[in-house]
């Protein structure tokens, strides 16, 4: 949840300046994929985004 909040509120220059443990990263990838699929109305593979 903190990673999502950070990516929404962080300045664009700092958007990738955080680290996540492997389990949290996998969850973050899943949530990101679901969000993109919903908002862009297109199916994306995880490998394409990360």
N, C-alpha and C. Protein backbone atom coordinates (compact mmCIF):
# COMPACT_ATOMS: atom_id res chain seq x y z
N UNK A 1 0.82 -1.18 0.00
CA UNK A 1 0.00 0.00 0.00
C UNK A 1 0.87 1.26 0.00
N UNK A 2 1.95 1.24 0.76
CA UNK A 2 2.83 2.40 0.80
C UNK A 2 3.48 2.67 -0.56
N UNK A 3 3.81 1.61 -1.28
CA UNK A 3 4.42 1.78 -2.60
C UNK A 3 3.44 2.43 -3.57
N UNK A 4 2.20 2.06 -3.48
CA UNK A 4 1.18 2.66 -4.35
C UNK A 4 1.01 4.13 -4.00
N UNK A 5 0.91 4.44 -2.72
CA UNK A 5 0.79 5.83 -2.30
C UNK A 5 1.98 6.64 -2.78
N UNK A 6 3.17 6.06 -2.64
CA UNK A 6 4.38 6.77 -3.05
C UNK A 6 4.36 7.07 -4.54
N UNK A 7 4.02 6.10 -5.36
CA UNK A 7 4.05 6.31 -6.81
C UNK A 7 3.01 7.33 -7.26
N UNK A 8 1.95 7.46 -6.51
CA UNK A 8 0.91 8.43 -6.86
C UNK A 8 1.31 9.85 -6.45
N UNK A 9 2.03 9.97 -5.35
CA UNK A 9 2.32 11.30 -4.81
C UNK A 9 3.75 11.79 -5.05
N UNK A 10 4.66 10.94 -5.43
CA UNK A 10 6.06 11.32 -5.59
C UNK A 10 6.26 12.21 -6.82
N UNK A 11 7.21 13.11 -6.74
CA UNK A 11 7.57 13.88 -7.93
C UNK A 11 8.09 12.93 -9.02
N UNK A 12 7.87 13.27 -10.26
CA UNK A 12 8.24 12.36 -11.36
C UNK A 12 9.72 11.99 -11.35
N UNK A 13 10.58 12.87 -10.91
CA UNK A 13 12.02 12.56 -10.88
C UNK A 13 12.38 11.52 -9.82
N UNK A 14 11.50 11.29 -8.86
CA UNK A 14 11.79 10.35 -7.78
C UNK A 14 10.90 9.11 -7.81
N UNK A 15 10.15 8.94 -8.86
CA UNK A 15 9.16 7.87 -8.91
C UNK A 15 9.75 6.48 -8.72
N UNK A 16 10.98 6.26 -9.15
CA UNK A 16 11.60 4.93 -9.03
C UNK A 16 12.66 4.88 -7.94
N UNK A 17 12.58 5.76 -6.97
CA UNK A 17 13.62 5.81 -5.95
C UNK A 17 13.21 5.09 -4.66
N UNK A 18 12.65 3.91 -4.80
CA UNK A 18 12.32 3.10 -3.64
C UNK A 18 12.55 1.63 -3.97
N UNK A 19 12.72 0.83 -2.93
CA UNK A 19 12.95 -0.61 -3.09
C UNK A 19 11.85 -1.37 -2.36
N UNK A 20 11.53 -2.54 -2.87
CA UNK A 20 10.55 -3.41 -2.24
C UNK A 20 11.14 -4.80 -2.09
N UNK A 21 10.73 -5.49 -1.04
CA UNK A 21 11.09 -6.90 -0.90
C UNK A 21 10.40 -7.67 -2.02
N UNK A 22 10.92 -8.84 -2.33
CA UNK A 22 10.43 -9.62 -3.47
C UNK A 22 8.93 -9.86 -3.41
N UNK A 23 8.41 -10.24 -2.26
CA UNK A 23 6.97 -10.53 -2.14
C UNK A 23 6.14 -9.26 -2.39
N UNK A 24 6.56 -8.15 -1.81
CA UNK A 24 5.85 -6.89 -2.01
C UNK A 24 5.95 -6.44 -3.47
N UNK A 25 7.09 -6.67 -4.10
CA UNK A 25 7.27 -6.30 -5.49
C UNK A 25 6.32 -7.09 -6.39
N UNK A 26 6.16 -8.37 -6.12
CA UNK A 26 5.23 -9.18 -6.92
C UNK A 26 3.80 -8.69 -6.76
N UNK A 27 3.41 -8.32 -5.54
CA UNK A 27 2.07 -7.79 -5.31
C UNK A 27 1.90 -6.45 -6.03
N UNK A 28 2.93 -5.62 -5.96
CA UNK A 28 2.90 -4.32 -6.62
C UNK A 28 2.77 -4.49 -8.13
N UNK A 29 3.48 -5.44 -8.70
CA UNK A 29 3.37 -5.73 -10.13
C UNK A 29 1.94 -6.13 -10.50
N UNK A 30 1.34 -6.99 -9.68
CA UNK A 30 -0.01 -7.46 -9.95
C UNK A 30 -1.01 -6.30 -9.90
N UNK A 31 -0.93 -5.49 -8.87
CA UNK A 31 -1.83 -4.35 -8.74
C UNK A 31 -1.64 -3.38 -9.91
N UNK A 32 -0.39 -3.14 -10.28
CA UNK A 32 -0.10 -2.26 -11.41
C UNK A 32 -0.68 -2.81 -12.70
N UNK A 33 -0.52 -4.10 -12.91
CA UNK A 33 -1.06 -4.74 -14.11
C UNK A 33 -2.58 -4.61 -14.16
N UNK A 34 -3.23 -4.88 -13.05
CA UNK A 34 -4.69 -4.77 -13.00
C UNK A 34 -5.14 -3.34 -13.27
N UNK A 35 -4.43 -2.38 -12.71
CA UNK A 35 -4.77 -0.98 -12.92
C UNK A 35 -4.64 -0.60 -14.39
N UNK A 36 -3.50 -0.94 -14.99
CA UNK A 36 -3.28 -0.60 -16.40
C UNK A 36 -4.32 -1.28 -17.29
N UNK A 37 -4.59 -2.54 -17.03
CA UNK A 37 -5.58 -3.25 -17.85
C UNK A 37 -6.95 -2.60 -17.76
N UNK A 38 -7.32 -2.17 -16.57
CA UNK A 38 -8.62 -1.53 -16.38
C UNK A 38 -8.67 -0.15 -17.04
N UNK A 39 -7.68 0.66 -16.79
CA UNK A 39 -7.70 2.04 -17.28
C UNK A 39 -7.42 2.15 -18.77
N UNK A 40 -6.58 1.31 -19.29
CA UNK A 40 -6.22 1.39 -20.71
C UNK A 40 -7.03 0.44 -21.57
N UNK A 41 -7.87 -0.37 -20.94
CA UNK A 41 -8.73 -1.33 -21.63
C UNK A 41 -7.95 -2.21 -22.59
N UNK A 42 -6.79 -2.65 -22.14
CA UNK A 42 -5.95 -3.53 -22.94
C UNK A 42 -5.19 -4.45 -21.99
N UNK A 43 -4.96 -5.67 -22.41
CA UNK A 43 -4.22 -6.63 -21.60
C UNK A 43 -2.72 -6.43 -21.79
N UNK A 44 -2.00 -6.27 -20.70
CA UNK A 44 -0.54 -6.14 -20.74
C UNK A 44 0.10 -7.28 -19.98
N UNK A 45 1.22 -7.75 -20.46
CA UNK A 45 1.98 -8.76 -19.75
C UNK A 45 2.89 -8.07 -18.76
N UNK A 46 3.17 -8.73 -17.62
CA UNK A 46 4.04 -8.14 -16.60
C UNK A 46 5.42 -7.83 -17.15
N UNK A 47 5.95 -8.67 -18.00
CA UNK A 47 7.28 -8.47 -18.54
C UNK A 47 7.39 -7.18 -19.35
N UNK A 48 6.29 -6.76 -19.96
CA UNK A 48 6.29 -5.54 -20.75
C UNK A 48 6.43 -4.31 -19.88
N UNK A 49 5.94 -4.37 -18.66
CA UNK A 49 5.91 -3.21 -17.80
C UNK A 49 7.13 -3.11 -16.90
N UNK A 50 7.75 -4.21 -16.55
CA UNK A 50 8.89 -4.18 -15.61
C UNK A 50 10.09 -4.88 -16.18
